[in-house]
Amino acid sequence: MEGMLLALQPRVQVERGVALSPRLAVLLKKSQAGMMKRLDKRLKKVQGNPRVSQGEREVAAEKKI
């Protein structure tokens, strides 16, 4: 009976909020950091070189209404 109760309890300390192994947590952080860098770079590129002017965007928005 005691073994069955122990099997139901999580092996990882949930209080700390760590559900992944330390290696997987580091890999996930690196992956997310790389993704954020790429998104930031893409956002700067899009904001720096707008293909459509602000006035044309407003006209397009009014046509949709």
C-alpha atoms as a PDB file:
ATOM      1  CA  MET A   1       0.000   0.000   0.000  1.00  0.00           C
ATOM      2  CA  GLU A   2       2.808   2.395   0.852  1.00  0.00           C
ATOM      3  CA  GLY A   3       4.489   1.716  -2.489  1.00  0.00           C
ATOM      4  CA  MET A   4       1.288   2.564  -4.344  1.00  0.00           C
ATOM      5  CA  LEU A   5       1.027   5.903  -2.538  1.00  0.00           C
ATOM      6  CA  LEU A   6       4.670   6.718  -3.293  1.00  0.00           C
ATOM      7  CA  ALA A   7       4.106   5.918  -6.971  1.00  0.00           C
ATOM      8  CA  LEU A   8       1.310   8.486  -7.141  1.00  0.00           C
ATOM      9  CA  GLN A   9       3.482  11.302  -5.797  1.00  0.00           C
ATOM     10  CA  PRO A  10       5.605  13.278  -8.262  1.00  0.00           C
ATOM     11  CA  ARG A  11       9.315  12.531  -8.228  1.00  0.00           C
ATOM     12  CA  VAL A  12      10.264  16.098  -9.147  1.00  0.00           C
ATOM     13  CA  GLN A  13       9.905  18.864  -6.618  1.00  0.00           C
ATOM     14  CA  VAL A  14       6.925  20.748  -7.984  1.00  0.00           C
ATOM     15  CA  GLU A  15       7.301  23.507  -5.388  1.00  0.00           C
ATOM     16  CA  ARG A  16      10.393  24.771  -7.182  1.00  0.00           C
ATOM     17  CA  GLY A  17       8.509  24.766 -10.488  1.00  0.00           C
ATOM     18  CA  VAL A  18      11.066  22.539 -12.182  1.00  0.00           C
ATOM     19  CA  ALA A  19       9.419  19.849 -14.240  1.00  0.00           C
ATOM     20  CA  LEU A  20      12.307  19.387 -16.695  1.00  0.00           C
ATOM     21  CA  SER A  21      15.754  18.063 -16.148  1.00  0.00           C
ATOM     22  CA  PRO A  22      18.398  20.790 -15.815  1.00  0.00           C
ATOM     23  CA  ARG A  23      19.819  19.914 -19.247  1.00  0.00           C
ATOM     24  CA  LEU A  24      16.443  20.195 -20.947  1.00  0.00           C
ATOM     25  CA  ALA A  25      15.708  23.467 -19.164  1.00  0.00           C
ATOM     26  CA  VAL A  26      18.978  24.970 -20.471  1.00  0.00           C
ATOM     27  CA  LEU A  27      18.277  23.754 -24.002  1.00  0.00           C
ATOM     28  CA  LEU A  28      14.792  25.230 -23.879  1.00  0.00           C
ATOM     29  CA  LYS A  29      16.113  28.593 -22.675  1.00  0.00           C
ATOM     30  CA  LYS A  30      18.703  28.670 -25.474  1.00  0.00           C
ATOM     31  CA  SER A  31      16.077  27.781 -28.040  1.00  0.00           C
ATOM     32  CA  GLN A  32      13.717  30.483 -26.812  1.00  0.00           C
ATOM     33  CA  ALA A  33      16.514  33.054 -26.712  1.00  0.00           C
ATOM     34  CA  GLY A  34      17.475  32.263 -30.301  1.00  0.00           C
ATOM     35  CA  MET A  35      13.869  32.467 -31.400  1.00  0.00           C
ATOM     36  CA  MET A  36      13.420  35.835 -29.704  1.00  0.00           C
ATOM     37  CA  LYS A  37      16.573  37.180 -31.382  1.00  0.00           C
ATOM     38  CA  ARG A  38      15.293  36.107 -34.797  1.00  0.00           C
ATOM     39  CA  LEU A  39      11.880  37.640 -34.143  1.00  0.00           C
ATOM     40  CA  ASP A  40      13.458  40.870 -32.927  1.00  0.00           C
ATOM     41  CA  LYS A  41      15.661  41.033 -36.015  1.00  0.00           C
ATOM     42  CA  ARG A  42      12.672  40.408 -38.278  1.00  0.00           C
ATOM     43  CA  LEU A  43      10.601  43.076 -36.494  1.00  0.00           C
ATOM     44  CA  LYS A  44      13.358  45.665 -36.873  1.00  0.00           C
ATOM     45  CA  LYS A  45      13.689  44.786 -40.549  1.00  0.00           C
ATOM     46  CA  VAL A  46       9.953  45.129 -41.150  1.00  0.00           C
ATOM     47  CA  GLN A  47       9.709  48.384 -39.197  1.00  0.00           C
ATOM     48  CA  GLY A  48      12.757  49.834 -40.926  1.00  0.00           C
ATOM     49  CA  ASN A  49      11.672  49.112 -44.495  1.00  0.00           C
ATOM     50  CA  PRO A  50       7.904  49.490 -44.746  1.00  0.00           C
ATOM     51  CA  ARG A  51       6.682  48.575 -48.229  1.00  0.00           C
ATOM     52  CA  VAL A  52       3.392  50.401 -47.757  1.00  0.00           C
ATOM     53  CA  SER A  53       3.283  53.982 -46.502  1.00  0.00           C
ATOM     54  CA  GLN A  54       1.172  54.951 -43.497  1.00  0.00           C
ATOM     55  CA  GLY A  55      -1.304  56.839 -45.687  1.00  0.00           C
ATOM     56  CA  GLU A  56      -1.862  53.821 -47.916  1.00  0.00           C
ATOM     57  CA  ARG A  57      -2.468  51.652 -44.835  1.00  0.00           C
ATOM     58  CA  GLU A  58      -5.141  54.055 -43.598  1.00  0.00           C
ATOM     59  CA  VAL A  59      -6.871  54.058 -46.992  1.00  0.00           C
ATOM     60  CA  ALA A  60      -6.779  50.259 -47.079  1.00  0.00           C
ATOM     61  CA  ALA A  61      -8.227  50.102 -43.569  1.00  0.00           C
ATOM     62  CA  GLU A  62     -11.076  52.439 -44.548  1.00  0.00           C
ATOM     63  CA  LYS A  63     -11.903  50.304 -47.593  1.00  0.00           C
ATOM     64  CA  LYS A  64     -12.300  47.226 -45.371  1.00  0.00           C
ATOM     65  CA  ILE A  65     -14.957  48.971 -43.274  1.00  0.00           C
END
